[in-house]
Protein backbone atom coordinates (compact mmCIF):
# COMPACT_ATOMS: atom_id res chain seq x y z
CA UNK A 1 -20.75 9.19 14.47
CA UNK A 2 -19.06 12.52 15.03
CA UNK A 3 -15.69 12.65 16.75
CA UNK A 4 -14.84 15.49 19.07
CA UNK A 5 -11.95 17.85 18.42
CA UNK A 6 -9.54 16.19 20.84
CA UNK A 7 -10.32 12.75 19.37
CA UNK A 8 -9.53 14.05 15.87
CA UNK A 9 -6.25 15.52 17.12
CA UNK A 10 -5.24 12.25 18.81
CA UNK A 11 -6.20 10.30 15.69
CA UNK A 12 -4.12 12.62 13.48
CA UNK A 13 -1.10 12.26 15.79
CA UNK A 14 -1.45 8.47 15.72
CA UNK A 15 -1.69 8.39 11.92
CA UNK A 16 1.38 10.60 11.52
CA UNK A 17 3.28 8.45 14.02
CA UNK A 18 2.44 5.28 12.11
CA UNK A 19 3.41 6.87 8.78
CA UNK A 20 6.80 7.92 10.12
CA UNK A 21 7.33 4.60 11.87
CA UNK A 22 6.62 2.52 8.73
CA UNK A 23 8.56 4.59 6.19
CA UNK A 24 11.52 2.84 4.57
CA UNK A 25 15.03 3.68 5.70
CA UNK A 26 17.69 5.18 3.45
CA UNK A 27 19.46 1.82 3.28
CA UNK A 28 16.27 0.09 2.14
CA UNK A 29 15.73 2.72 -0.56
CA UNK A 30 19.29 2.22 -1.80
CA UNK A 31 18.89 -1.58 -1.87
CA UNK A 32 15.68 -1.24 -3.88
CA UNK A 33 17.43 0.98 -6.44
CA UNK A 34 20.21 -1.59 -6.84
CA UNK A 35 17.87 -4.61 -7.03
CA UNK A 36 17.28 -6.32 -10.37
CA UNK A 37 13.99 -5.40 -12.01
CA UNK A 38 11.44 -8.21 -12.13
CA UNK A 39 8.43 -6.91 -14.02
CA UNK A 40 7.18 -10.40 -14.90
CA UNK A 41 6.84 -11.15 -11.20
CA UNK A 42 4.54 -8.15 -10.90
CA UNK A 43 2.62 -8.24 -14.18
CA UNK A 44 1.62 -11.92 -14.17
CA UNK A 45 -0.16 -11.81 -10.75
CA UNK A 46 -1.75 -8.45 -11.63
CA UNK A 47 -3.06 -9.87 -14.90
CA UNK A 48 -4.46 -12.85 -13.00
CA UNK A 49 -6.22 -10.57 -10.49
CA UNK A 50 -7.65 -8.34 -13.23
CA UNK A 51 -8.81 -11.40 -15.16
CA UNK A 52 -10.45 -12.82 -12.05
CA UNK A 53 -12.24 -9.53 -11.33
CA UNK A 54 -13.49 -9.37 -14.93
CA UNK A 55 -14.67 -12.97 -14.60
CA UNK A 56 -16.55 -12.15 -11.39
CA UNK A 57 -18.17 -9.08 -12.94
CA UNK A 58 -19.24 -11.04 -16.01
CA UNK A 59 -20.86 -13.70 -13.81
CA UNK A 60 -23.31 -11.18 -12.31
């Protein structure tokens, strides 16, 4: 399905609007810099997901 030129322009404007609307504020960026680092809270779920994906691939 091919979009016309004006549809592509409207889509690009909508995407840019959403990107600017959802970007973090300066206060949020400062709070994230000051927050304690919790790598275990990230690495344990990621290891579980990777292990599950490897399990699913090995079952095929």
